Amino acid sequence: MVRSNISAFGMAALAAVILACPVSAATIRKAADGLPLQPVLDRASPGDVIVLQGEHQGPVTIGKTLTLEGEPGALIMGNGKGSVITVKAPQSIVRGLEIRGSGKDLFGMDSGIFVAQTATGARVEKNAIIGNLVGIYLHGARDSWALGNRIIGLREGRISEAGDGISVWNAPGARVVDNDVSYGRDGIFSKTSKRNVFSGNRFRQLRFAVHYMYTNDSEISDNVSTGNAVGYAIMYSNRLKIEGNRSDGDRDHGLLLNYANNSRITGNIVVGRLQPADRWLKARSSEHDVPKAADENQTVDEGRRLGPEKCVFIYNANKNRFRNNVFEGCAIGIHFTAGSEGNLINGNSFISNRNQVKYVGTRHLDWSSEGQGNYWSDNPAFDLNGDGVGDSPYRPNDLIDKVLWTSPQAKLLTTSPAVQVIRWAQAQFPAILPGGVVDSHPLMVPADRKVVQ
């Protein structure tokens, strides 16, 4: 009886071990140079790893959960129609390939790698995706990844006819991390999505580095935009974390908030500089559909002008928190307009901007909170008690500034005695100053860049 019980127990244990083991281990299949690839993918079993050698012809579709990766030099070349690789199976991986030759149909969403809605958790990583209309398209693929790819878009033709480096549509939980994107239209374009993370990416030679539309509860962090038309364009989106990003020498705006609300903007750096005036002369008025004021910048220093035109442009954006950012060397440090309300702006550094603030309005706005304001490089205040806060409020604008904004021709009169008398009177009698921005507790020292970065 005892022996029978032991035997039964042993059989049960053996059955448990068998059930716990996979039926078959993943098979590594190598596809040699020139071998037709789609039949290899069709014959593979879920979980297999397909390793490519040499050049293969696309387009191909991954309809099972596979890993498709390349040895050094492996290339998939499309035929100029549709997407080169279409991923339909969940948890699939495309890794280590060079991918070229997509079609050029924007409505068809032609891409180097198109990740379909059914490909939940798919990963596209460490590929070189070159000369395609769209580099990577995460089209409804929840929890998908684009990681460590090098994407070079189309260099020729109209920017309106180019695709994006990485396009995200309705892909909750998608992550776009550590990619290098250049040329084409936008570096990352996200539309109608949520809970996304875009972090550690690098962008250059684009319209927008990051373009957000109707994307909520997401993070944009530690990205670098260099020499683009606009760094970070955040539109119609809510509850975002925008932290630790850098805009270096972008043309029009470093950071643009348009109908963006309830977000936290902290530790970002926007740096402007003199740039060739040709960047503006060659730009088309329809290049990007963002609000644009009259050209206030001047060509200076042998055909160069200051850019970005605005370090930050806040247009009808409400209840945001700006803290510990650095805005330096722009034509305008911050342009604040179109009924933006409830924004908290303190702890920031405004350094060597031609105009620190542009606010055309009559409301009185105090940009300080809990005894802390912002640092203004042109503030000649004293700090007699050494507490790090200026002894008098800082006002970036006066009545003459407002006249110049509404009637730019009045610049001819800025050195006239009448203008000097008005400015002297405002300094002596602050009550006659118009509504506008005041910093009641201006800081005497700028933010530590090491802390910001």
Protein backbone atom coordinates (compact mmCIF):
# COMPACT_ATOMS: atom_id res chain seq x y z
CA MET A 1 0.00 0.00 0.00
CA VAL A 2 2.85 2.34 0.88
CA ARG A 3 4.70 1.36 -2.31
CA SER A 4 1.56 2.12 -4.34
CA ASN A 5 1.27 5.60 -2.79
CA ILE A 6 4.94 6.33 -3.50
CA SER A 7 4.53 5.18 -7.09
CA ALA A 8 1.48 7.40 -7.57
CA PHE A 9 3.32 10.35 -6.04
CA GLY A 10 6.32 9.79 -8.33
CA MET A 11 4.14 9.67 -11.43
CA ALA A 12 2.42 12.92 -10.43
CA ALA A 13 5.78 14.63 -9.88
CA LEU A 14 7.05 13.41 -13.24
CA ALA A 15 3.91 14.71 -14.95
CA ALA A 16 4.37 18.11 -13.30
CA VAL A 17 7.96 18.32 -14.54
CA ILE A 18 6.90 17.42 -18.07
CA LEU A 19 4.16 20.05 -18.06
CA ALA A 20 6.57 22.70 -16.74
CA CYS A 21 9.06 22.13 -19.55
CA PRO A 22 8.51 23.74 -22.96
CA VAL A 23 7.39 21.36 -25.64
CA SER A 24 10.21 22.49 -27.91
CA ALA A 25 13.01 25.03 -27.55
CA ALA A 26 13.24 27.99 -29.91
CA THR A 27 14.97 27.09 -33.16
CA ILE A 28 17.61 29.36 -34.65
CA ARG A 29 17.28 29.42 -38.41
CA LYS A 30 19.82 31.16 -40.62
CA ALA A 31 18.79 32.73 -43.90
CA ALA A 32 21.71 33.03 -46.30
CA ASP A 33 22.33 35.95 -48.63
CA GLY A 34 19.64 36.25 -51.31
CA LEU A 35 17.42 33.48 -49.94
CA PRO A 36 13.70 34.38 -50.32
CA LEU A 37 12.76 35.51 -46.83
CA GLN A 38 8.97 35.27 -46.67
CA PRO A 39 8.90 31.44 -47.08
CA VAL A 40 11.42 31.17 -44.24
CA LEU A 41 9.15 33.25 -41.99
CA ASP A 42 6.10 31.24 -43.02
CA ARG A 43 7.77 27.88 -42.21
CA ALA A 44 9.09 29.03 -38.83
CA SER A 45 7.40 28.07 -35.58
CA PRO A 46 6.35 30.62 -32.92
CA GLY A 47 9.35 31.54 -30.80
CA ASP A 48 11.94 30.80 -33.50
CA VAL A 49 14.88 33.12 -34.14
CA ILE A 50 15.59 33.95 -37.78
CA VAL A 51 19.13 35.22 -38.35
CA LEU A 52 19.76 36.98 -41.66
CA GLN A 53 23.01 37.04 -43.57
CA GLY A 54 23.63 39.42 -46.47
CA GLU A 55 20.86 41.07 -48.50
CA HIS A 56 17.22 40.01 -48.75
CA GLN A 57 14.29 41.36 -50.68
CA GLY A 58 11.21 42.83 -49.06
CA PRO A 59 8.45 43.39 -48.35
CA VAL A 60 7.93 40.73 -45.69
CA THR A 61 5.32 40.14 -42.99
CA ILE A 62 5.89 38.62 -39.56
CA GLY A 63 2.65 36.81 -38.78
CA LYS A 64 3.96 34.65 -35.92
CA THR A 65 5.81 35.54 -32.74
CA LEU A 66 9.38 35.47 -34.04
CA THR A 67 12.71 37.19 -33.58
CA LEU A 68 14.10 38.52 -36.85
CA GLU A 69 17.67 39.69 -36.45
CA GLY A 70 20.67 40.32 -38.62
CA GLU A 71 24.32 39.54 -38.59
CA PRO A 72 26.58 42.55 -39.31
CA GLY A 73 25.77 43.92 -42.76
CA ALA A 74 22.37 42.22 -43.07
CA LEU A 75 19.96 44.24 -45.23
CA ILE A 76 16.30 44.00 -46.19
CA MET A 77 15.61 46.06 -49.31
CA GLY A 78 12.03 46.92 -50.16
CA ASN A 79 10.66 47.27 -53.67
CA GLY A 80 9.51 50.88 -53.26
CA LYS A 81 5.93 49.93 -52.45
CA GLY A 82 4.27 49.63 -49.05
CA SER A 83 6.21 48.86 -45.88
CA VAL A 84 9.44 46.88 -45.95
CA ILE A 85 8.62 44.88 -42.78
CA THR A 86 5.12 44.51 -41.36
CA VAL A 87 4.88 43.07 -37.85
CA LYS A 88 1.50 41.55 -36.95
CA ALA A 89 2.35 39.04 -34.21
CA PRO A 90 2.61 39.98 -30.51
CA GLN A 91 5.97 39.93 -28.71
CA SER A 92 7.88 39.81 -32.00
CA ILE A 93 11.37 41.33 -32.22
CA VAL A 94 13.12 43.00 -35.17
CA ARG A 95 16.76 43.60 -34.33
CA GLY A 96 20.09 44.52 -35.88
CA LEU A 97 19.01 45.01 -39.51
CA GLU A 98 19.49 47.67 -42.13
CA ILE A 99 16.14 48.47 -43.74
CA ARG A 100 15.61 50.49 -46.93
CA GLY A 101 13.18 50.93 -49.78
CA SER A 102 9.67 51.64 -48.46
CA GLY A 103 6.97 53.18 -50.61
CA LYS A 104 6.11 56.87 -50.45
CA ASP A 105 2.37 56.83 -49.81
CA LEU A 106 1.58 58.84 -46.66
CA PHE A 107 -2.05 57.68 -46.62
CA GLY A 108 -0.86 54.09 -46.95
CA MET A 109 1.46 54.60 -43.94
CA ASP A 110 4.42 53.19 -45.88
CA SER A 111 7.24 52.54 -43.41
CA GLY A 112 10.55 50.86 -42.92
CA ILE A 113 8.94 48.85 -40.10
CA PHE A 114 5.16 48.93 -39.61
CA VAL A 115 4.02 47.50 -36.27
CA ALA A 116 0.32 46.68 -36.48
CA GLN A 117 -2.28 46.88 -33.73
CA THR A 118 -2.15 43.12 -33.20
CA ALA A 119 1.59 43.23 -32.39
CA THR A 120 1.23 43.94 -28.68
CA GLY A 121 4.59 44.18 -26.92
CA ALA A 122 6.63 44.03 -30.14
CA ARG A 123 10.19 45.39 -30.04
CA VAL A 124 12.08 47.20 -32.80
CA GLU A 125 15.65 47.65 -31.65
CA LYS A 126 19.13 48.52 -32.86
CA ASN A 127 18.26 48.77 -36.55
CA ALA A 128 19.53 51.19 -39.21
CA ILE A 129 16.38 52.41 -40.98
CA ILE A 130 17.46 54.58 -43.90
CA GLY A 131 15.67 56.45 -46.67
CA ASN A 132 12.13 55.28 -45.92
CA LEU A 133 9.00 57.44 -45.83
CA VAL A 134 8.31 56.65 -42.15
CA GLY A 135 11.03 54.96 -40.17
CA ILE A 136 8.99 53.07 -37.54
CA TYR A 137 5.20 53.19 -37.29
CA LEU A 138 3.71 51.95 -34.00
CA HIS A 139 0.11 51.76 -35.18
CA GLY A 140 -2.02 50.80 -32.20
CA ALA A 141 0.54 48.33 -30.84
CA ARG A 142 0.15 48.51 -27.06
CA ASP A 143 3.31 48.31 -24.93
CA SER A 144 5.56 48.20 -27.99
CA TRP A 145 9.15 49.45 -28.02
CA ALA A 146 11.37 51.39 -30.43
CA LEU A 147 14.80 51.14 -28.84
CA GLY A 148 18.27 52.21 -29.97
CA ASN A 149 17.53 52.60 -33.68
CA ARG A 150 19.29 54.93 -36.12
CA ILE A 151 16.73 56.48 -38.46
CA ILE A 152 17.58 58.69 -41.44
CA GLY A 153 14.53 59.91 -43.32
CA LEU A 154 14.06 61.34 -46.80
CA ARG A 155 16.47 64.16 -47.62
CA GLU A 156 14.82 65.31 -50.84
CA GLY A 157 11.44 66.84 -51.68
CA ARG A 158 8.96 68.91 -49.73
CA ILE A 159 8.88 68.54 -45.99
CA SER A 160 5.07 68.22 -46.13
CA GLU A 161 5.50 65.10 -48.27
CA ALA A 162 8.06 63.48 -45.96
CA GLY A 163 7.18 61.06 -43.20
CA ASP A 164 8.20 60.97 -39.55
CA GLY A 165 11.12 59.17 -38.02
CA ILE A 166 8.87 57.39 -35.52
CA SER A 167 5.09 57.66 -35.65
CA VAL A 168 2.91 56.57 -32.73
CA TRP A 169 -0.85 56.25 -33.09
CA ASN A 170 -3.12 54.99 -30.32
CA ALA A 171 -0.42 52.82 -28.78
CA PRO A 172 -0.89 53.00 -24.99
CA GLY A 173 2.24 52.13 -23.06
CA ALA A 174 4.55 52.42 -26.07
CA ARG A 175 8.14 53.43 -25.36
CA VAL A 176 10.52 55.23 -27.70
CA VAL A 177 13.98 55.24 -26.13
CA ASP A 178 17.56 56.03 -27.18
CA ASN A 179 16.93 56.48 -30.91
CA ASP A 180 18.88 58.76 -33.24
CA VAL A 181 16.60 60.44 -35.79
CA SER A 182 17.48 62.84 -38.61
CA TYR A 183 15.84 64.20 -41.76
CA GLY A 184 12.21 63.78 -42.74
CA ARG A 185 9.32 65.66 -41.13
CA ASP A 186 9.07 65.09 -37.36
CA GLY A 187 11.40 63.04 -35.20
CA ILE A 188 8.56 61.53 -33.16
CA PHE A 189 4.93 62.23 -33.97
CA SER A 190 2.45 60.96 -31.40
CA LYS A 191 -1.29 61.23 -31.95
CA THR A 192 -4.23 59.99 -29.89
CA SER A 193 -2.25 57.93 -27.41
CA LYS A 194 -1.54 57.71 -23.68
CA ARG A 195 0.94 56.44 -21.10
CA ASN A 196 3.87 56.72 -23.49
CA VAL A 197 7.52 57.35 -22.65
CA PHE A 198 9.83 59.15 -25.09
CA SER A 199 13.25 59.30 -23.48
CA GLY A 200 16.92 59.71 -24.36
CA ASN A 201 16.40 60.30 -28.08
CA ARG A 202 18.45 62.62 -30.32
CA PHE A 203 17.03 64.69 -33.18
CA ARG A 204 18.45 66.90 -35.93
CA GLN A 205 17.53 68.30 -39.36
CA LEU A 206 13.77 67.99 -38.77
CA ARG A 207 10.65 70.14 -38.58
CA PHE A 208 9.72 69.19 -34.98
CA ALA A 209 11.92 67.01 -32.82
CA VAL A 210 8.90 65.81 -30.80
CA HIS A 211 5.32 66.52 -31.89
CA TYR A 212 2.52 65.63 -29.47
CA MET A 213 -1.15 65.70 -30.45
CA TYR A 214 -3.90 64.40 -28.15
CA THR A 215 -1.42 62.32 -26.14
CA ASN A 216 -2.05 62.26 -22.40
CA ASP A 217 -0.45 61.01 -19.17
CA SER A 218 2.93 60.58 -20.83
CA GLU A 219 6.60 61.44 -20.38
CA ILE A 220 9.10 63.31 -22.56
CA SER A 221 12.49 63.20 -20.87
CA ASP A 222 16.22 63.56 -21.50
CA ASN A 223 15.91 64.11 -25.26
CA VAL A 224 18.20 66.39 -27.29
CA SER A 225 16.98 68.51 -30.22
CA THR A 226 19.69 70.18 -32.32
CA GLY A 227 19.16 72.51 -35.27
CA ASN A 228 15.49 71.73 -35.94
CA ALA A 229 12.74 74.22 -36.78
CA VAL A 230 11.02 73.53 -33.43
CA GLY A 231 12.30 71.46 -30.56
CA TYR A 232 9.28 70.18 -28.62
CA ALA A 233 5.77 70.98 -29.91
CA ILE A 234 3.19 69.89 -27.35
CA MET A 235 -0.39 70.37 -28.56
CA TYR A 236 -3.82 69.39 -27.22
CA SER A 237 -2.32 67.11 -24.58
CA ASN A 238 -2.73 66.88 -20.81
CA ARG A 239 -0.90 65.69 -17.70
CA LEU A 240 2.57 65.35 -19.18
CA LYS A 241 5.97 65.10 -17.57
CA ILE A 242 8.44 67.13 -19.67
CA GLU A 243 11.77 66.85 -17.91
CA GLY A 244 15.49 67.12 -18.61
CA ASN A 245 15.20 67.83 -22.34
CA ARG A 246 17.54 70.08 -24.31
CA SER A 247 16.92 72.32 -27.31
CA ASP A 248 20.19 73.52 -28.83
CA GLY A 249 20.10 76.01 -31.70
CA ASP A 250 16.58 75.24 -32.93
CA ARG A 251 15.15 77.90 -35.22
CA ASP A 252 11.65 79.05 -34.21
CA HIS A 253 10.79 77.65 -30.77
CA GLY A 254 12.66 75.56 -28.27
CA LEU A 255 9.48 74.55 -26.45
CA LEU A 256 5.94 75.20 -27.69
CA LEU A 257 2.85 74.55 -25.58
CA ASN A 258 -0.39 74.94 -27.52
CA TYR A 259 -3.56 73.89 -25.65
CA ALA A 260 -1.40 71.78 -23.33
CA ASN A 261 -2.61 71.61 -19.74
CA ASN A 262 -1.85 70.31 -16.24
CA SER A 263 1.71 69.35 -17.11
CA ARG A 264 5.02 69.55 -15.27
CA ILE A 265 7.88 71.16 -17.18
CA THR A 266 11.09 70.88 -15.15
CA GLY A 267 14.84 70.83 -15.65
CA ASN A 268 14.82 71.58 -19.38
CA ILE A 269 17.42 73.71 -21.20
CA VAL A 270 16.81 75.85 -24.29
CA VAL A 271 19.91 77.51 -25.74
CA GLY A 272 19.87 79.93 -28.67
CA ARG A 273 22.62 81.48 -30.74
CA LEU A 274 23.29 83.54 -33.85
CA GLN A 275 22.44 81.45 -36.90
CA PRO A 276 22.60 81.99 -40.67
CA ALA A 277 19.65 84.11 -41.81
CA ASP A 278 19.18 81.68 -44.71
CA ARG A 279 17.47 79.29 -42.29
CA TRP A 280 14.54 81.71 -42.13
CA LEU A 281 14.67 82.81 -45.75
CA LYS A 282 14.43 79.23 -47.01
CA ALA A 283 11.62 78.28 -44.63
CA ARG A 284 8.13 78.18 -46.10
CA SER A 285 5.27 79.87 -44.29
CA SER A 286 3.32 76.59 -44.30
CA GLU A 287 6.19 74.57 -42.88
CA HIS A 288 4.42 74.07 -39.57
CA ASP A 289 0.92 74.95 -38.47
CA VAL A 290 1.70 76.72 -35.21
CA PRO A 291 0.71 80.25 -34.22
CA LYS A 292 3.31 82.67 -35.53
CA ALA A 293 3.60 86.32 -34.65
CA ALA A 294 5.02 89.02 -36.87
CA ASP A 295 8.76 88.76 -37.42
CA GLU A 296 10.37 90.74 -34.63
CA ASN A 297 13.88 89.46 -35.01
CA GLN A 298 16.52 91.43 -36.85
CA THR A 299 19.24 90.16 -39.14
CA VAL A 300 22.49 91.09 -37.44
CA ASP A 301 26.19 90.46 -37.61
CA GLU A 302 26.73 89.89 -41.34
CA GLY A 303 23.65 87.90 -42.28
CA ARG A 304 23.06 86.09 -39.01
CA ARG A 305 20.14 86.31 -36.64
CA LEU A 306 19.22 85.06 -33.22
CA GLY A 307 17.39 81.77 -32.90
CA PRO A 308 15.24 80.32 -31.54
CA GLU A 309 12.93 83.27 -31.93
CA LYS A 310 11.26 82.09 -28.71
CA CYS A 311 12.82 79.85 -26.10
CA VAL A 312 9.28 79.08 -24.90
CA PHE A 313 5.95 79.87 -26.54
CA ILE A 314 2.91 79.37 -24.30
CA TYR A 315 -0.30 79.63 -26.31
CA ASN A 316 -3.58 78.98 -24.50
CA ALA A 317 -1.91 76.47 -22.18
CA ASN A 318 -3.25 76.29 -18.65
CA LYS A 319 -2.36 75.05 -15.16
CA ASN A 320 1.18 73.98 -16.00
CA ARG A 321 4.17 74.06 -13.66
CA PHE A 322 7.45 75.49 -15.02
CA ARG A 323 10.32 75.00 -12.62
CA ASN A 324 14.14 74.83 -12.74
CA ASN A 325 14.40 75.37 -16.49
CA VAL A 326 17.10 77.41 -18.27
CA PHE A 327 16.11 79.65 -21.20
CA GLU A 328 19.14 81.33 -22.72
CA GLY A 329 20.18 83.31 -25.77
CA CYS A 330 16.86 83.56 -27.62
CA ALA A 331 15.24 86.56 -29.28
CA ILE A 332 12.41 86.19 -26.73
CA GLY A 333 12.84 84.18 -23.55
CA ILE A 334 9.16 83.39 -23.06
CA HIS A 335 6.14 84.49 -25.09
CA PHE A 336 2.97 84.17 -23.06
CA THR A 337 -0.35 84.75 -24.82
CA ALA A 338 -3.90 83.73 -25.80
CA GLY A 339 -5.52 83.51 -22.40
CA SER A 340 -3.12 81.08 -20.75
CA GLU A 341 -4.10 80.89 -17.08
CA GLY A 342 -3.13 79.17 -13.86
CA ASN A 343 0.50 78.52 -14.82
CA LEU A 344 3.09 78.47 -12.06
CA ILE A 345 6.47 79.80 -13.21
CA ASN A 346 9.30 79.93 -10.69
CA GLY A 347 12.85 78.73 -10.12
CA ASN A 348 13.72 79.22 -13.80
CA SER A 349 16.69 81.09 -15.28
CA PHE A 350 16.24 83.63 -18.08
CA ILE A 351 19.71 84.43 -19.36
CA SER A 352 20.79 86.89 -22.07
CA ASN A 353 17.59 86.80 -24.09
CA ARG A 354 17.10 89.90 -26.21
CA ASN A 355 13.62 90.27 -24.67
CA GLN A 356 13.15 88.21 -21.56
CA VAL A 357 9.33 88.20 -21.65
CA LYS A 358 6.66 89.09 -24.15
CA TYR A 359 3.19 89.32 -22.65
CA VAL A 360 0.59 91.38 -24.46
CA GLY A 361 -2.17 91.60 -21.89
CA THR A 362 -3.56 93.76 -19.12
CA ARG A 363 -3.69 91.25 -16.26
CA HIS A 364 -1.15 91.39 -13.45
CA LEU A 365 0.82 88.13 -13.28
CA ASP A 366 3.22 87.37 -10.44
CA TRP A 367 5.82 84.79 -11.47
CA SER A 368 6.91 83.80 -7.99
CA SER A 369 5.65 81.25 -5.49
CA GLU A 370 6.34 80.67 -1.81
CA GLY A 371 9.01 83.35 -1.74
CA GLN A 372 10.86 82.11 -4.83
CA GLY A 373 10.81 83.73 -8.24
CA ASN A 374 13.11 83.35 -11.23
CA TYR A 375 16.60 84.47 -12.18
CA TRP A 376 16.81 87.33 -14.71
CA SER A 377 20.25 88.11 -16.12
CA ASP A 378 19.33 91.77 -16.78
CA ASN A 379 17.98 92.43 -13.29
CA PRO A 380 20.18 95.08 -11.55
CA ALA A 381 18.70 94.38 -8.12
CA PHE A 382 20.52 94.32 -4.78
CA ASP A 383 20.40 91.60 -2.14
CA LEU A 384 21.40 93.42 1.03
CA ASN A 385 20.41 90.65 3.44
CA GLY A 386 22.10 87.92 1.39
CA ASP A 387 19.09 85.60 1.23
CA GLY A 388 19.49 85.00 -2.52
CA VAL A 389 16.36 86.99 -3.38
CA GLY A 390 16.39 90.50 -4.84
CA ASP A 391 15.25 93.31 -2.57
CA SER A 392 12.86 94.76 -5.16
CA PRO A 393 10.44 93.21 -7.65
CA TYR A 394 11.55 92.69 -11.24
CA ARG A 395 9.41 93.87 -14.14
CA PRO A 396 10.60 92.61 -17.53
CA ASN A 397 8.37 94.95 -19.55
CA ASP A 398 6.98 98.46 -19.44
CA LEU A 399 4.53 100.62 -21.37
CA ILE A 400 7.04 101.30 -24.17
CA ASP A 401 7.52 97.57 -24.76
CA LYS A 402 3.79 97.16 -25.28
CA VAL A 403 3.75 100.04 -27.75
CA LEU A 404 6.62 98.46 -29.70
CA TRP A 405 4.87 95.07 -29.82
CA THR A 406 1.66 96.53 -31.20
CA SER A 407 3.37 99.13 -33.46
CA PRO A 408 6.85 97.91 -34.45
CA GLN A 409 7.44 101.11 -36.47
CA ALA A 410 7.76 102.95 -33.16
CA LYS A 411 11.26 101.47 -32.75
CA LEU A 412 12.50 104.59 -34.53
CA LEU A 413 11.55 106.59 -31.43
CA THR A 414 13.16 104.43 -28.74
CA THR A 415 16.09 106.82 -28.25
CA SER A 416 13.96 109.97 -28.30
CA PRO A 417 13.75 112.21 -25.19
CA ALA A 418 9.99 111.61 -24.92
CA VAL A 419 10.44 107.85 -24.58
CA GLN A 420 13.19 108.32 -22.02
CA VAL A 421 10.93 110.60 -19.96
CA ILE A 422 8.12 108.02 -20.01
CA ARG A 423 10.46 105.27 -18.85
CA TRP A 424 11.87 107.49 -16.10
CA ALA A 425 8.34 108.32 -14.92
CA GLN A 426 7.41 104.63 -14.77
CA ALA A 427 10.50 103.88 -12.71
CA GLN A 428 9.65 106.64 -10.25
CA PHE A 429 5.91 105.95 -10.09
CA PRO A 430 5.28 102.18 -10.52
CA ALA A 431 1.54 102.71 -10.17
CA ILE A 432 1.40 103.97 -13.76
CA LEU A 433 2.91 100.74 -15.09
CA PRO A 434 0.46 98.70 -17.20
CA GLY A 435 -0.64 95.20 -16.26
CA GLY A 436 1.84 92.47 -17.04
CA VAL A 437 4.43 90.16 -15.54
CA VAL A 438 6.14 90.95 -12.27
CA ASP A 439 8.50 88.76 -10.27
CA SER A 440 8.10 89.69 -6.61
CA HIS A 441 11.00 87.52 -5.43
CA PRO A 442 13.61 87.50 -8.22
CA LEU A 443 16.53 85.15 -7.66
CA MET A 444 20.08 86.50 -7.65
CA VAL A 445 21.78 83.31 -8.89
CA PRO A 446 20.83 81.18 -11.93
CA ALA A 447 19.97 77.51 -11.70
CA ASP A 448 22.90 75.11 -11.48
CA ARG A 449 23.16 73.58 -14.95
CA LYS A 450 24.56 70.37 -13.53
CA VAL A 451 21.43 70.01 -11.44
CA VAL A 452 19.21 70.87 -14.42
CA GLN A 453 20.94 68.36 -16.67
